[in-house]
N, C-alpha and C. Protein backbone atom coordinates (compact mmCIF):
# COMPACT_ATOMS: atom_id res chain seq x y z
N MET A 1 149.78 87.32 189.11
CA MET A 1 151.19 87.41 189.39
C MET A 1 151.91 87.96 188.15
N PRO A 2 152.76 88.99 188.34
CA PRO A 2 153.43 89.56 187.17
C PRO A 2 154.44 88.58 186.57
N GLU A 3 154.61 88.69 185.28
CA GLU A 3 155.57 87.82 184.61
C GLU A 3 156.99 88.30 184.91
N VAL A 4 157.85 87.35 185.17
CA VAL A 4 159.25 87.67 185.48
C VAL A 4 160.03 87.72 184.17
N PRO A 5 160.73 88.86 183.91
CA PRO A 5 161.50 88.94 182.67
C PRO A 5 162.54 87.83 182.58
N ASN A 6 162.77 87.36 181.37
CA ASN A 6 163.69 86.25 181.15
C ASN A 6 165.10 86.57 181.62
N ASP A 7 165.58 87.81 181.40
CA ASP A 7 166.94 88.14 181.82
C ASP A 7 167.05 88.15 183.34
N PHE A 8 165.96 88.45 184.04
CA PHE A 8 165.97 88.38 185.50
C PHE A 8 166.05 86.92 185.95
N GLN A 9 165.30 86.04 185.29
CA GLN A 9 165.37 84.61 185.62
C GLN A 9 166.79 84.10 185.43
N GLN A 10 167.46 84.56 184.40
CA GLN A 10 168.83 84.13 184.15
C GLN A 10 169.77 84.61 185.24
N ALA A 11 169.45 85.73 185.88
CA ALA A 11 170.28 86.23 186.98
C ALA A 11 170.13 85.36 188.22
N LEU A 12 168.97 84.76 188.39
CA LEU A 12 168.71 83.95 189.59
C LEU A 12 169.31 82.56 189.51
N PHE A 13 169.44 82.03 188.32
CA PHE A 13 169.87 80.64 188.16
C PHE A 13 171.04 80.55 187.20
N LYS A 14 172.05 79.84 187.62
CA LYS A 14 173.20 79.55 186.76
C LYS A 14 173.42 78.04 186.85
N ILE A 15 173.73 77.44 185.74
CA ILE A 15 173.96 76.00 185.72
C ILE A 15 175.46 75.74 185.72
N PHE A 16 175.90 75.00 186.73
CA PHE A 16 177.30 74.60 186.80
C PHE A 16 177.50 73.37 185.93
N LYS A 17 178.47 73.44 185.04
CA LYS A 17 178.81 72.30 184.20
C LYS A 17 180.26 71.91 184.48
N PRO A 18 180.50 70.68 184.91
CA PRO A 18 181.89 70.22 185.05
C PRO A 18 182.60 70.30 183.70
N LYS A 19 183.91 70.43 183.74
CA LYS A 19 184.69 70.59 182.50
C LYS A 19 184.39 69.49 181.49
N GLY A 20 184.19 68.27 181.96
CA GLY A 20 183.94 67.15 181.06
C GLY A 20 182.57 67.17 180.41
N CYS A 21 181.69 68.06 180.84
CA CYS A 21 180.31 68.09 180.31
C CYS A 21 180.04 69.31 179.43
N LEU A 22 181.07 70.08 179.12
CA LEU A 22 180.86 71.29 178.34
C LEU A 22 180.58 70.96 176.88
N ASN A 23 179.67 71.71 176.29
CA ASN A 23 179.40 71.61 174.86
C ASN A 23 180.36 72.53 174.12
N PRO A 24 180.56 72.31 172.83
CA PRO A 24 181.41 73.23 172.07
C PRO A 24 180.88 74.66 172.22
N GLY A 25 181.77 75.58 172.51
CA GLY A 25 181.37 76.98 172.68
C GLY A 25 181.08 77.36 174.12
N ASP A 26 180.85 76.38 175.00
CA ASP A 26 180.62 76.68 176.42
C ASP A 26 181.92 77.15 177.06
N ILE A 27 181.79 78.04 178.01
CA ILE A 27 182.95 78.53 178.76
C ILE A 27 182.84 77.98 180.18
N TYR A 28 183.91 77.33 180.64
CA TYR A 28 183.91 76.75 181.98
C TYR A 28 183.94 77.86 183.02
N GLN A 29 183.08 77.75 184.03
CA GLN A 29 183.08 78.65 185.18
C GLN A 29 182.96 77.81 186.44
N THR A 30 183.74 78.17 187.46
CA THR A 30 183.64 77.48 188.74
C THR A 30 182.35 77.92 189.44
N LYS A 31 181.96 77.17 190.46
CA LYS A 31 180.78 77.57 191.24
C LYS A 31 180.98 78.94 191.89
N PRO A 32 182.15 79.24 192.47
CA PRO A 32 182.35 80.59 193.00
C PRO A 32 182.24 81.68 191.93
N GLN A 33 182.74 81.43 190.73
CA GLN A 33 182.62 82.42 189.66
C GLN A 33 181.15 82.65 189.31
N LEU A 34 180.37 81.59 189.28
CA LEU A 34 178.93 81.72 189.01
C LEU A 34 178.24 82.51 190.12
N ALA A 35 178.64 82.27 191.37
CA ALA A 35 178.05 83.00 192.49
C ALA A 35 178.32 84.49 192.39
N VAL A 36 179.55 84.86 192.03
CA VAL A 36 179.90 86.27 191.86
C VAL A 36 179.05 86.89 190.76
N GLU A 37 178.88 86.17 189.67
CA GLU A 37 178.06 86.65 188.56
C GLU A 37 176.61 86.88 189.00
N ILE A 38 176.06 85.94 189.76
CA ILE A 38 174.68 86.07 190.26
C ILE A 38 174.56 87.31 191.15
N LEU A 39 175.49 87.49 192.07
CA LEU A 39 175.43 88.66 192.96
C LEU A 39 175.46 89.96 192.18
N ARG A 40 176.36 90.06 191.21
CA ARG A 40 176.46 91.29 190.40
C ARG A 40 175.17 91.56 189.63
N GLU A 41 174.60 90.51 189.06
CA GLU A 41 173.37 90.68 188.29
C GLU A 41 172.20 91.07 189.18
N LEU A 42 172.11 90.47 190.37
CA LEU A 42 171.02 90.83 191.28
C LEU A 42 171.14 92.29 191.72
N LYS A 43 172.37 92.74 192.02
CA LYS A 43 172.57 94.14 192.38
C LYS A 43 172.19 95.05 191.22
N ALA A 44 172.52 94.64 189.98
CA ALA A 44 172.17 95.44 188.80
C ALA A 44 170.66 95.54 188.63
N PHE A 45 169.92 94.53 189.08
CA PHE A 45 168.46 94.56 189.02
C PHE A 45 167.86 95.39 190.15
N GLY A 46 168.71 95.88 191.06
CA GLY A 46 168.21 96.73 192.13
C GLY A 46 167.94 96.01 193.44
N PHE A 47 168.34 94.76 193.54
CA PHE A 47 168.16 94.04 194.81
C PHE A 47 168.99 94.70 195.89
N LYS A 48 168.42 94.85 197.06
CA LYS A 48 169.13 95.37 198.23
C LYS A 48 169.56 94.16 199.05
N ILE A 49 170.81 93.83 198.99
CA ILE A 49 171.33 92.66 199.70
C ILE A 49 171.96 93.15 200.99
N LYS A 50 171.43 92.67 202.12
CA LYS A 50 171.94 93.10 203.42
C LYS A 50 173.05 92.19 203.93
N LEU A 51 172.94 90.90 203.65
CA LEU A 51 173.88 89.94 204.22
C LEU A 51 173.99 88.74 203.29
N VAL A 52 175.21 88.28 203.10
CA VAL A 52 175.46 87.08 202.31
C VAL A 52 176.01 86.00 203.24
N LEU A 53 175.37 84.84 203.25
CA LEU A 53 175.83 83.68 204.01
C LEU A 53 176.38 82.67 203.01
N ALA A 54 177.54 82.10 203.31
CA ALA A 54 178.14 81.17 202.36
C ALA A 54 178.84 80.03 203.08
N ASP A 55 178.79 78.85 202.46
CA ASP A 55 179.52 77.71 203.01
C ASP A 55 180.99 77.82 202.63
N SER A 56 181.78 76.83 203.02
CA SER A 56 183.23 76.93 202.87
C SER A 56 183.70 76.95 201.42
N LEU A 57 182.93 76.39 200.50
CA LEU A 57 183.34 76.45 199.09
C LEU A 57 183.48 77.90 198.65
N TYR A 58 182.54 78.74 199.08
CA TYR A 58 182.54 80.15 198.69
C TYR A 58 183.34 80.99 199.69
N GLY A 59 183.31 80.60 200.96
CA GLY A 59 184.03 81.33 201.99
C GLY A 59 185.54 81.27 201.84
N GLU A 60 186.02 80.24 201.16
CA GLU A 60 187.46 80.08 200.94
C GLU A 60 187.87 80.56 199.55
N SER A 61 186.95 81.14 198.81
CA SER A 61 187.23 81.62 197.46
C SER A 61 187.60 83.10 197.50
N GLY A 62 188.82 83.39 197.11
CA GLY A 62 189.25 84.79 197.06
C GLY A 62 188.40 85.62 196.13
N ASP A 63 187.94 85.03 195.01
CA ASP A 63 187.09 85.76 194.07
C ASP A 63 185.79 86.19 194.72
N VAL A 64 185.18 85.29 195.48
CA VAL A 64 183.90 85.60 196.14
C VAL A 64 184.11 86.67 197.21
N ILE A 65 185.12 86.49 198.05
CA ILE A 65 185.36 87.45 199.13
C ILE A 65 185.66 88.83 198.56
N ARG A 66 186.51 88.90 197.53
CA ARG A 66 186.82 90.20 196.90
C ARG A 66 185.57 90.85 196.33
N ALA A 67 184.73 90.06 195.65
CA ALA A 67 183.51 90.61 195.05
C ALA A 67 182.57 91.15 196.13
N LEU A 68 182.44 90.42 197.24
CA LEU A 68 181.58 90.88 198.33
C LEU A 68 182.12 92.16 198.94
N GLU A 69 183.43 92.22 199.12
CA GLU A 69 184.03 93.43 199.69
C GLU A 69 183.91 94.61 198.74
N GLN A 70 184.10 94.38 197.43
CA GLN A 70 183.97 95.46 196.45
C GLN A 70 182.56 96.02 196.42
N GLN A 71 181.57 95.15 196.62
CA GLN A 71 180.18 95.58 196.63
C GLN A 71 179.74 96.06 198.02
N GLU A 72 180.68 96.07 198.96
CA GLU A 72 180.43 96.51 200.33
C GLU A 72 179.27 95.76 200.97
N LEU A 73 179.27 94.44 200.76
CA LEU A 73 178.22 93.59 201.33
C LEU A 73 178.71 92.97 202.63
N SER A 74 177.82 92.90 203.60
CA SER A 74 178.13 92.19 204.84
C SER A 74 178.13 90.70 204.54
N LEU A 75 179.01 89.97 205.23
CA LEU A 75 179.10 88.56 204.92
C LEU A 75 179.41 87.74 206.16
N ILE A 76 178.91 86.53 206.15
CA ILE A 76 179.26 85.50 207.12
C ILE A 76 179.59 84.28 206.28
N VAL A 77 180.84 83.84 206.36
CA VAL A 77 181.25 82.70 205.55
C VAL A 77 181.88 81.63 206.43
N ALA A 78 181.70 80.41 206.01
CA ALA A 78 182.32 79.28 206.71
C ALA A 78 183.67 79.00 206.05
N ILE A 79 184.59 78.52 206.85
CA ILE A 79 185.86 78.02 206.33
C ILE A 79 186.15 76.71 207.05
N ARG A 80 186.95 75.87 206.42
CA ARG A 80 187.32 74.61 207.05
C ARG A 80 188.21 74.89 208.26
N SER A 81 188.23 73.99 209.20
CA SER A 81 189.01 74.19 210.42
C SER A 81 190.51 74.27 210.16
N ASN A 82 190.96 73.71 209.04
CA ASN A 82 192.40 73.74 208.75
C ASN A 82 192.76 74.79 207.68
N HIS A 83 191.84 75.69 207.41
CA HIS A 83 192.07 76.74 206.41
C HIS A 83 192.91 77.86 207.03
N GLY A 84 194.01 78.21 206.40
CA GLY A 84 194.87 79.28 206.91
C GLY A 84 194.23 80.65 206.71
N VAL A 85 194.46 81.54 207.67
CA VAL A 85 193.90 82.89 207.60
C VAL A 85 194.99 83.88 208.00
N LEU A 86 195.17 84.93 207.19
CA LEU A 86 196.10 85.99 207.55
C LEU A 86 195.36 86.98 208.45
N MET A 87 196.00 87.36 209.53
CA MET A 87 195.37 88.30 210.46
C MET A 87 196.19 89.58 210.50
N GLY A 88 195.50 90.69 210.62
CA GLY A 88 196.15 91.98 210.67
C GLY A 88 196.81 92.23 212.01
N PRO A 89 197.62 93.29 212.08
CA PRO A 89 198.27 93.64 213.35
C PRO A 89 197.22 93.88 214.44
N GLY A 90 197.46 93.35 215.60
CA GLY A 90 196.56 93.55 216.73
C GLY A 90 195.38 92.60 216.77
N GLN A 91 195.14 91.84 215.71
CA GLN A 91 194.04 90.88 215.72
C GLN A 91 194.51 89.61 216.39
N ARG A 92 193.57 88.91 217.01
CA ARG A 92 193.93 87.66 217.67
C ARG A 92 192.80 86.65 217.50
N VAL A 93 193.14 85.41 217.66
CA VAL A 93 192.16 84.33 217.58
C VAL A 93 191.49 84.19 218.93
N ARG A 94 190.17 84.10 218.92
CA ARG A 94 189.43 83.84 220.17
C ARG A 94 189.05 82.38 220.21
N TYR A 95 189.27 81.77 221.33
CA TYR A 95 188.87 80.38 221.54
C TYR A 95 187.77 80.35 222.59
N ASN A 96 186.56 80.34 222.15
CA ASN A 96 185.43 80.29 223.07
C ASN A 96 185.09 78.84 223.39
N GLN A 97 184.67 78.61 224.59
CA GLN A 97 184.22 77.27 224.98
C GLN A 97 182.80 77.06 224.47
N TRP A 98 182.56 75.90 223.89
CA TRP A 98 181.21 75.55 223.47
C TRP A 98 180.38 75.21 224.70
N LYS A 99 179.15 75.66 224.71
CA LYS A 99 178.24 75.38 225.82
C LYS A 99 177.06 74.57 225.29
N GLU A 100 176.80 73.46 225.95
CA GLU A 100 175.69 72.61 225.53
C GLU A 100 174.40 73.14 226.13
N TYR A 101 173.32 73.05 225.35
CA TYR A 101 171.98 73.38 225.84
C TYR A 101 170.98 72.47 225.14
N GLN A 102 169.80 72.36 225.71
CA GLN A 102 168.75 71.52 225.13
C GLN A 102 167.86 72.38 224.24
N GLN A 103 167.79 72.02 222.98
CA GLN A 103 166.93 72.73 222.04
C GLN A 103 165.53 72.14 222.14
N GLN A 104 164.56 72.96 222.54
CA GLN A 104 163.19 72.50 222.64
C GLN A 104 162.54 72.58 221.26
N LEU A 105 162.10 71.45 220.76
CA LEU A 105 161.50 71.38 219.44
C LEU A 105 160.04 71.03 219.56
N SER A 106 159.20 71.70 218.81
CA SER A 106 157.76 71.45 218.91
C SER A 106 157.34 70.20 218.15
N TYR A 107 158.11 69.78 217.18
CA TYR A 107 157.70 68.69 216.31
C TYR A 107 158.39 67.36 216.60
N ARG A 108 159.34 67.36 217.54
CA ARG A 108 159.97 66.10 217.95
C ARG A 108 160.68 66.32 219.28
N GLN A 109 161.28 65.25 219.78
CA GLN A 109 161.95 65.29 221.08
C GLN A 109 163.08 66.32 221.06
N SER A 110 163.28 66.98 222.21
CA SER A 110 164.37 67.96 222.29
C SER A 110 165.72 67.27 222.09
N GLU A 111 166.71 68.04 221.69
CA GLU A 111 168.02 67.46 221.42
C GLU A 111 169.11 68.43 221.86
N PRO A 112 170.29 67.89 222.17
CA PRO A 112 171.38 68.77 222.60
C PRO A 112 171.93 69.57 221.42
N ARG A 113 172.22 70.83 221.68
CA ARG A 113 172.86 71.73 220.71
C ARG A 113 174.00 72.44 221.41
N PHE A 114 174.80 73.12 220.65
CA PHE A 114 175.95 73.82 221.22
C PHE A 114 176.00 75.25 220.69
N ASN A 115 176.39 76.17 221.58
CA ASN A 115 176.61 77.55 221.14
C ASN A 115 177.83 78.12 221.79
């Protein structure tokens, strides 16, 4: 197995430190700021990113959304149900009905799911 360069390893992993845990000289970064940094570094290494999936912490971050749009990356992000969203002219909210179905699982009893 080829050895992974140290600077590449640093692009894959970032350590989040709460403000109260910073050492002298450390610079505080939020989790979304770290995510943006990781994405930029991976692209610089030549990674071809087709789609970014993110939970609401990142989906509600303007920094993350702007960075994804600037890099022209496709994205699917979660937002909280009470998160406000600005919609452009002609756009509308769709309210689809959830439909229950039975998910057949090979390793345990089937269970109800919704789509």
